[in-house]
């Protein structure tokens, strides 16, 4: 299992401190994949650029997709650009993967015969592994969870993380989530102004 899969499971299993936004979670999942690929030696960071390395591809299907989509031409892609590109729709991809693997089902009401309702996690070793990691206060998982609002306050660093590359990834996730929130707030203000214009306020 990967950090990204553990993060999705935690997001479904733990009551968040605020409503979760799929866009925020997708950015954090892209950061979690980056962390796992760093740890596996599939990539390194040169400043803020992601440099692929000729390592064996990961066994995890979604991590394999992430590794295969790395830009391999100089100048390499920046970490921020990668988070936005890879993060696009990534929450849905992970939910679909968990469902296909039998680790997730969807509650369906009488009037909702198609997929919908609330996601329900099955009691699987993957769920127990994520829960153990969460209970152990694993710092990377905690920091990613904090960035999307599963914990009370976002943080860019946590005690116990000393690797500069990991700290860079976590800080980039935090910055991307804050940027997305600024975009949402700006759109809300613009929508409110447009609505007031139509009402003649």
C-alpha atoms as a PDB file:
ATOM      1  CA  UNK A   1       0.000   0.000   0.000  1.00  0.00           C
ATOM      2  CA  UNK A   2       1.029   3.582  -0.617  1.00  0.00           C
ATOM      3  CA  UNK A   3       0.879   6.754   1.434  1.00  0.00           C
ATOM      4  CA  UNK A   4      -1.749   8.098  -0.977  1.00  0.00           C
ATOM      5  CA  UNK A   5      -3.989   5.064  -0.430  1.00  0.00           C
ATOM      6  CA  UNK A   6      -3.522   5.394   3.315  1.00  0.00           C
ATOM      7  CA  UNK A   7      -4.453   9.075   3.092  1.00  0.00           C
ATOM      8  CA  UNK A   8      -7.676   8.319   1.192  1.00  0.00           C
ATOM      9  CA  UNK A   9      -8.625   5.681   3.749  1.00  0.00           C
ATOM     10  CA  UNK A  10      -7.915   8.059   6.639  1.00  0.00           C
ATOM     11  CA  UNK A  11      -9.959  10.782   4.910  1.00  0.00           C
ATOM     12  CA  UNK A  12     -12.908   8.373   4.727  1.00  0.00           C
ATOM     13  CA  UNK A  13     -12.416   6.914   8.210  1.00  0.00           C
ATOM     14  CA  UNK A  14     -11.660   9.976  10.361  1.00  0.00           C
ATOM     15  CA  UNK A  15     -14.116  12.769  11.075  1.00  0.00           C
ATOM     16  CA  UNK A  16     -12.445  15.869   9.609  1.00  0.00           C
ATOM     17  CA  UNK A  17     -12.081  19.158  11.444  1.00  0.00           C
ATOM     18  CA  UNK A  18     -13.735  20.901   8.476  1.00  0.00           C
ATOM     19  CA  UNK A  19     -15.562  19.766   5.324  1.00  0.00           C
ATOM     20  CA  UNK A  20     -13.060  18.203   2.934  1.00  0.00           C
ATOM     21  CA  UNK A  21     -12.661  19.582  -0.560  1.00  0.00           C
ATOM     22  CA  UNK A  22     -11.890  17.051  -3.283  1.00  0.00           C
ATOM     23  CA  UNK A  23      -9.457  19.453  -4.900  1.00  0.00           C
ATOM     24  CA  UNK A  24      -7.497  19.803  -1.663  1.00  0.00           C
ATOM     25  CA  UNK A  25      -7.393  16.042  -1.192  1.00  0.00           C
ATOM     26  CA  UNK A  26      -6.301  15.511  -4.805  1.00  0.00           C
ATOM     27  CA  UNK A  27      -3.341  17.868  -4.328  1.00  0.00           C
ATOM     28  CA  UNK A  28      -2.382  16.055  -1.116  1.00  0.00           C
ATOM     29  CA  UNK A  29      -2.641  12.695  -2.887  1.00  0.00           C
ATOM     30  CA  UNK A  30      -0.270  13.938  -5.583  1.00  0.00           C
ATOM     31  CA  UNK A  31       2.088  14.997  -2.787  1.00  0.00           C
ATOM     32  CA  UNK A  32       1.770  11.590  -1.143  1.00  0.00           C
ATOM     33  CA  UNK A  33       2.657   9.904  -4.427  1.00  0.00           C
ATOM     34  CA  UNK A  34       5.669  12.200  -4.786  1.00  0.00           C
ATOM     35  CA  UNK A  35       6.820  11.214  -1.296  1.00  0.00           C
ATOM     36  CA  UNK A  36       6.490   7.500  -2.082  1.00  0.00           C
ATOM     37  CA  UNK A  37       8.341   7.881  -5.385  1.00  0.00           C
ATOM     38  CA  UNK A  38      11.088   9.815  -3.600  1.00  0.00           C
ATOM     39  CA  UNK A  39      11.373   7.061  -1.002  1.00  0.00           C
ATOM     40  CA  UNK A  40      11.528   4.402  -3.717  1.00  0.00           C
ATOM     41  CA  UNK A  41      14.247   6.285  -5.597  1.00  0.00           C
ATOM     42  CA  UNK A  42      12.023   6.742  -8.655  1.00  0.00           C
ATOM     43  CA  UNK A  43      12.631  10.492  -8.564  1.00  0.00           C
ATOM     44  CA  UNK A  44      14.778  13.099  -6.867  1.00  0.00           C
ATOM     45  CA  UNK A  45      14.424  16.845  -6.427  1.00  0.00           C
ATOM     46  CA  UNK A  46      16.833  19.336  -7.933  1.00  0.00           C
ATOM     47  CA  UNK A  47      15.712  22.517  -6.203  1.00  0.00           C
ATOM     48  CA  UNK A  48      12.017  22.722  -7.096  1.00  0.00           C
ATOM     49  CA  UNK A  49      12.326  20.427 -10.136  1.00  0.00           C
ATOM     50  CA  UNK A  50      11.361  16.752 -10.244  1.00  0.00           C
ATOM     51  CA  UNK A  51      14.100  14.618 -11.804  1.00  0.00           C
ATOM     52  CA  UNK A  52      13.062  11.063 -12.796  1.00  0.00           C
ATOM     53  CA  UNK A  53      15.522   8.247 -12.140  1.00  0.00           C
ATOM     54  CA  UNK A  54      15.839   4.888 -13.936  1.00  0.00           C
ATOM     55  CA  UNK A  55      14.424   2.755 -11.137  1.00  0.00           C
ATOM     56  CA  UNK A  56      12.019  -0.207 -11.324  1.00  0.00           C
ATOM     57  CA  UNK A  57       8.412   0.899 -11.666  1.00  0.00           C
ATOM     58  CA  UNK A  58       6.273   0.627  -8.497  1.00  0.00           C
ATOM     59  CA  UNK A  59       3.953  -2.350  -8.065  1.00  0.00           C
ATOM     60  CA  UNK A  60       1.020  -0.125  -7.079  1.00  0.00           C
ATOM     61  CA  UNK A  61      -0.999   0.674 -10.220  1.00  0.00           C
ATOM     62  CA  UNK A  62      -1.635   4.343  -9.444  1.00  0.00           C
ATOM     63  CA  UNK A  63       1.952   4.912  -8.350  1.00  0.00           C
ATOM     64  CA  UNK A  64       3.027   3.237 -11.582  1.00  0.00           C
ATOM     65  CA  UNK A  65       0.841   5.711 -13.495  1.00  0.00           C
ATOM     66  CA  UNK A  66       2.372   8.575 -11.548  1.00  0.00           C
ATOM     67  CA  UNK A  67       5.908   7.424 -12.330  1.00  0.00           C
ATOM     68  CA  UNK A  68       5.078   6.910 -16.009  1.00  0.00           C
ATOM     69  CA  UNK A  69       3.690  10.442 -16.320  1.00  0.00           C
ATOM     70  CA  UNK A  70       6.803  12.185 -14.988  1.00  0.00           C
ATOM     71  CA  UNK A  71       8.303  14.635 -17.467  1.00  0.00           C
ATOM     72  CA  UNK A  72      11.668  13.295 -18.585  1.00  0.00           C
ATOM     73  CA  UNK A  73      12.955  16.195 -20.656  1.00  0.00           C
ATOM     74  CA  UNK A  74      15.154  19.049 -19.446  1.00  0.00           C
ATOM     75  CA  UNK A  75      14.124  21.410 -17.954  1.00  0.00           C
ATOM     76  CA  UNK A  76      12.189  19.067 -15.724  1.00  0.00           C
ATOM     77  CA  UNK A  77       8.771  19.900 -14.341  1.00  0.00           C
ATOM     78  CA  UNK A  78       8.504  21.966 -11.179  1.00  0.00           C
ATOM     79  CA  UNK A  79       7.028  20.341  -8.092  1.00  0.00           C
ATOM     80  CA  UNK A  80       4.138  22.836  -8.020  1.00  0.00           C
ATOM     81  CA  UNK A  81       3.261  22.191 -11.679  1.00  0.00           C
ATOM     82  CA  UNK A  82       3.419  18.444 -11.063  1.00  0.00           C
ATOM     83  CA  UNK A  83       1.058  18.652  -8.067  1.00  0.00           C
ATOM     84  CA  UNK A  84      -1.532  20.535 -10.118  1.00  0.00           C
ATOM     85  CA  UNK A  85      -1.186  18.304 -13.181  1.00  0.00           C
ATOM     86  CA  UNK A  86      -1.074  14.958 -11.394  1.00  0.00           C
ATOM     87  CA  UNK A  87      -3.637  16.041  -8.803  1.00  0.00           C
ATOM     88  CA  UNK A  88      -6.332  16.760 -11.373  1.00  0.00           C
ATOM     89  CA  UNK A  89      -9.148  14.307 -10.547  1.00  0.00           C
ATOM     90  CA  UNK A  90      -6.875  12.144  -8.396  1.00  0.00           C
ATOM     91  CA  UNK A  91      -9.374  11.696  -5.541  1.00  0.00           C
ATOM     92  CA  UNK A  92     -11.855  10.087  -7.935  1.00  0.00           C
ATOM     93  CA  UNK A  93      -9.118   7.838  -9.320  1.00  0.00           C
ATOM     94  CA  UNK A  94      -8.265   6.536  -5.855  1.00  0.00           C
ATOM     95  CA  UNK A  95     -11.912   6.036  -4.865  1.00  0.00           C
ATOM     96  CA  UNK A  96     -12.481   4.092  -8.084  1.00  0.00           C
ATOM     97  CA  UNK A  97      -9.394   1.952  -7.438  1.00  0.00           C
ATOM     98  CA  UNK A  98     -10.524   1.135  -3.894  1.00  0.00           C
ATOM     99  CA  UNK A  99     -13.964   0.235  -5.196  1.00  0.00           C
ATOM    100  CA  UNK A 100     -12.570  -2.016  -7.945  1.00  0.00           C
ATOM    101  CA  UNK A 101     -10.376  -3.772  -5.370  1.00  0.00           C
ATOM    102  CA  UNK A 102     -13.380  -4.486  -3.130  1.00  0.00           C
ATOM    103  CA  UNK A 103     -12.140  -2.157  -0.382  1.00  0.00           C
ATOM    104  CA  UNK A 104     -14.914   0.403  -0.824  1.00  0.00           C
ATOM    105  CA  UNK A 105     -18.638   0.291  -1.509  1.00  0.00           C
ATOM    106  CA  UNK A 106     -21.247   3.006  -1.907  1.00  0.00           C
ATOM    107  CA  UNK A 107     -24.416   3.213   0.137  1.00  0.00           C
ATOM    108  CA  UNK A 108     -27.352   3.250  -2.256  1.00  0.00           C
ATOM    109  CA  UNK A 109     -30.852   4.268  -1.350  1.00  0.00           C
ATOM    110  CA  UNK A 110     -34.051   2.964  -2.984  1.00  0.00           C
ATOM    111  CA  UNK A 111     -34.147   5.962  -5.268  1.00  0.00           C
ATOM    112  CA  UNK A 112     -30.418   5.928  -6.096  1.00  0.00           C
ATOM    113  CA  UNK A 113     -29.758   2.671  -7.980  1.00  0.00           C
ATOM    114  CA  UNK A 114     -26.573   4.056  -9.521  1.00  0.00           C
ATOM    115  CA  UNK A 115     -23.336   4.899  -7.761  1.00  0.00           C
ATOM    116  CA  UNK A 116     -23.877   7.618  -5.210  1.00  0.00           C
ATOM    117  CA  UNK A 117     -24.462   8.200  -1.543  1.00  0.00           C
ATOM    118  CA  UNK A 118     -21.743   7.730   1.045  1.00  0.00           C
ATOM    119  CA  UNK A 119     -18.564   5.687   0.566  1.00  0.00           C
ATOM    120  CA  UNK A 120     -18.230   2.786   3.005  1.00  0.00           C
ATOM    121  CA  UNK A 121     -14.851   1.165   3.685  1.00  0.00           C
ATOM    122  CA  UNK A 122     -14.626  -2.597   4.014  1.00  0.00           C
ATOM    123  CA  UNK A 123     -12.758  -4.077   6.974  1.00  0.00           C
ATOM    124  CA  UNK A 124      -9.577  -5.010   5.129  1.00  0.00           C
ATOM    125  CA  UNK A 125      -5.864  -5.278   5.972  1.00  0.00           C
ATOM    126  CA  UNK A 126      -5.355  -2.044   3.993  1.00  0.00           C
ATOM    127  CA  UNK A 127      -7.799  -0.213   6.240  1.00  0.00           C
ATOM    128  CA  UNK A 128      -6.179  -1.611   9.371  1.00  0.00           C
ATOM    129  CA  UNK A 129      -2.718  -0.660   8.077  1.00  0.00           C
ATOM    130  CA  UNK A 130      -3.825   2.927   7.445  1.00  0.00           C
ATOM    131  CA  UNK A 131      -5.426   3.041  10.899  1.00  0.00           C
ATOM    132  CA  UNK A 132      -2.192   1.801  12.508  1.00  0.00           C
ATOM    133  CA  UNK A 133      -0.180   4.422  10.673  1.00  0.00           C
ATOM    134  CA  UNK A 134      -2.647   7.084  11.787  1.00  0.00           C
ATOM    135  CA  UNK A 135      -2.662   5.896  15.395  1.00  0.00           C
ATOM    136  CA  UNK A 136       1.146   5.897  15.384  1.00  0.00           C
ATOM    137  CA  UNK A 137       1.150   9.611  14.433  1.00  0.00           C
ATOM    138  CA  UNK A 138       3.250   8.909  11.336  1.00  0.00           C
ATOM    139  CA  UNK A 139       4.494  12.434  10.583  1.00  0.00           C
ATOM    140  CA  UNK A 140       4.163  12.521   6.779  1.00  0.00           C
ATOM    141  CA  UNK A 141       0.618  11.151   6.894  1.00  0.00           C
ATOM    142  CA  UNK A 142      -0.295  13.597   9.684  1.00  0.00           C
ATOM    143  CA  UNK A 143       1.110  16.569   7.794  1.00  0.00           C
ATOM    144  CA  UNK A 144      -0.739  15.689   4.592  1.00  0.00           C
ATOM    145  CA  UNK A 145      -3.939  15.137   6.568  1.00  0.00           C
ATOM    146  CA  UNK A 146      -3.526  18.494   8.283  1.00  0.00           C
ATOM    147  CA  UNK A 147      -3.077  20.269   4.954  1.00  0.00           C
ATOM    148  CA  UNK A 148      -6.535  19.165   3.776  1.00  0.00           C
ATOM    149  CA  UNK A 149      -8.371  19.693   7.066  1.00  0.00           C
ATOM    150  CA  UNK A 150      -8.556  16.212   8.563  1.00  0.00           C
ATOM    151  CA  UNK A 151      -6.670  17.693  11.508  1.00  0.00           C
ATOM    152  CA  UNK A 152      -7.387  21.070  13.069  1.00  0.00           C
ATOM    153  CA  UNK A 153      -4.507  23.087  11.681  1.00  0.00           C
ATOM    154  CA  UNK A 154      -2.482  22.669   8.508  1.00  0.00           C
ATOM    155  CA  UNK A 155       1.245  22.362   8.977  1.00  0.00           C
ATOM    156  CA  UNK A 156       4.180  22.350   6.598  1.00  0.00           C
ATOM    157  CA  UNK A 157       6.462  20.482   8.957  1.00  0.00           C
ATOM    158  CA  UNK A 158       6.073  17.995  11.762  1.00  0.00           C
ATOM    159  CA  UNK A 159       8.554  16.818  14.386  1.00  0.00           C
ATOM    160  CA  UNK A 160      10.398  13.755  13.174  1.00  0.00           C
ATOM    161  CA  UNK A 161      10.758  14.833   9.530  1.00  0.00           C
ATOM    162  CA  UNK A 162      14.370  15.729   8.821  1.00  0.00           C
ATOM    163  CA  UNK A 163      14.725  14.905   5.116  1.00  0.00           C
ATOM    164  CA  UNK A 164      14.915  18.119   3.077  1.00  0.00           C
ATOM    165  CA  UNK A 165      13.234  16.628   0.004  1.00  0.00           C
ATOM    166  CA  UNK A 166      10.284  15.385   2.060  1.00  0.00           C
ATOM    167  CA  UNK A 167       9.950  18.763   3.752  1.00  0.00           C
ATOM    168  CA  UNK A 168       9.982  20.427   0.318  1.00  0.00           C
ATOM    169  CA  UNK A 169       7.164  18.176  -0.912  1.00  0.00           C
ATOM    170  CA  UNK A 170       5.047  18.776   2.189  1.00  0.00           C
ATOM    171  CA  UNK A 171       5.548  22.544   1.991  1.00  0.00           C
ATOM    172  CA  UNK A 172       4.577  22.488  -1.706  1.00  0.00           C
ATOM    173  CA  UNK A 173       1.346  20.617  -0.892  1.00  0.00           C
ATOM    174  CA  UNK A 174       0.508  23.155   1.814  1.00  0.00           C
ATOM    175  CA  UNK A 175       1.152  26.069  -0.569  1.00  0.00           C
ATOM    176  CA  UNK A 176      -0.939  24.486  -3.348  1.00  0.00           C
ATOM    177  CA  UNK A 177      -3.893  23.903  -1.007  1.00  0.00           C
ATOM    178  CA  UNK A 178      -3.694  27.506   0.192  1.00  0.00           C
ATOM    179  CA  UNK A 179      -3.589  28.705  -3.419  1.00  0.00           C
ATOM    180  CA  UNK A 180      -6.661  26.636  -4.276  1.00  0.00           C
ATOM    181  CA  UNK A 181      -8.521  28.053  -1.276  1.00  0.00           C
ATOM    182  CA  UNK A 182      -7.657  31.591  -2.433  1.00  0.00           C
ATOM    183  CA  UNK A 183      -9.083  30.774  -5.868  1.00  0.00           C
ATOM    184  CA  UNK A 184     -12.311  29.448  -4.287  1.00  0.00           C
ATOM    185  CA  UNK A 185     -12.679  32.571  -2.148  1.00  0.00           C
ATOM    186  CA  UNK A 186     -12.094  34.847  -5.127  1.00  0.00           C
ATOM    187  CA  UNK A 187     -14.709  32.992  -7.165  1.00  0.00           C
ATOM    188  CA  UNK A 188     -17.188  33.178  -4.284  1.00  0.00           C
ATOM    189  CA  UNK A 189     -16.715  36.958  -4.088  1.00  0.00           C
ATOM    190  CA  UNK A 190     -17.115  37.308  -7.857  1.00  0.00           C
ATOM    191  CA  UNK A 191     -20.255  35.133  -7.837  1.00  0.00           C
ATOM    192  CA  UNK A 192     -21.747  37.154  -4.983  1.00  0.00           C
ATOM    193  CA  UNK A 193     -21.016  40.411  -6.815  1.00  0.00           C
ATOM    194  CA  UNK A 194     -22.627  39.030  -9.984  1.00  0.00           C
ATOM    195  CA  UNK A 195     -25.712  37.915  -8.034  1.00  0.00           C
ATOM    196  CA  UNK A 196     -26.004  41.341  -6.413  1.00  0.00           C
ATOM    197  CA  UNK A 197     -25.779  42.960  -9.835  1.00  0.00           C
ATOM    198  CA  UNK A 198     -28.706  40.898 -11.101  1.00  0.00           C
ATOM    199  CA  UNK A 199     -30.734  41.714  -7.983  1.00  0.00           C
ATOM    200  CA  UNK A 200     -29.961  45.381  -8.422  1.00  0.00           C
ATOM    201  CA  UNK A 201     -28.220  45.678  -5.057  1.00  0.00           C
END
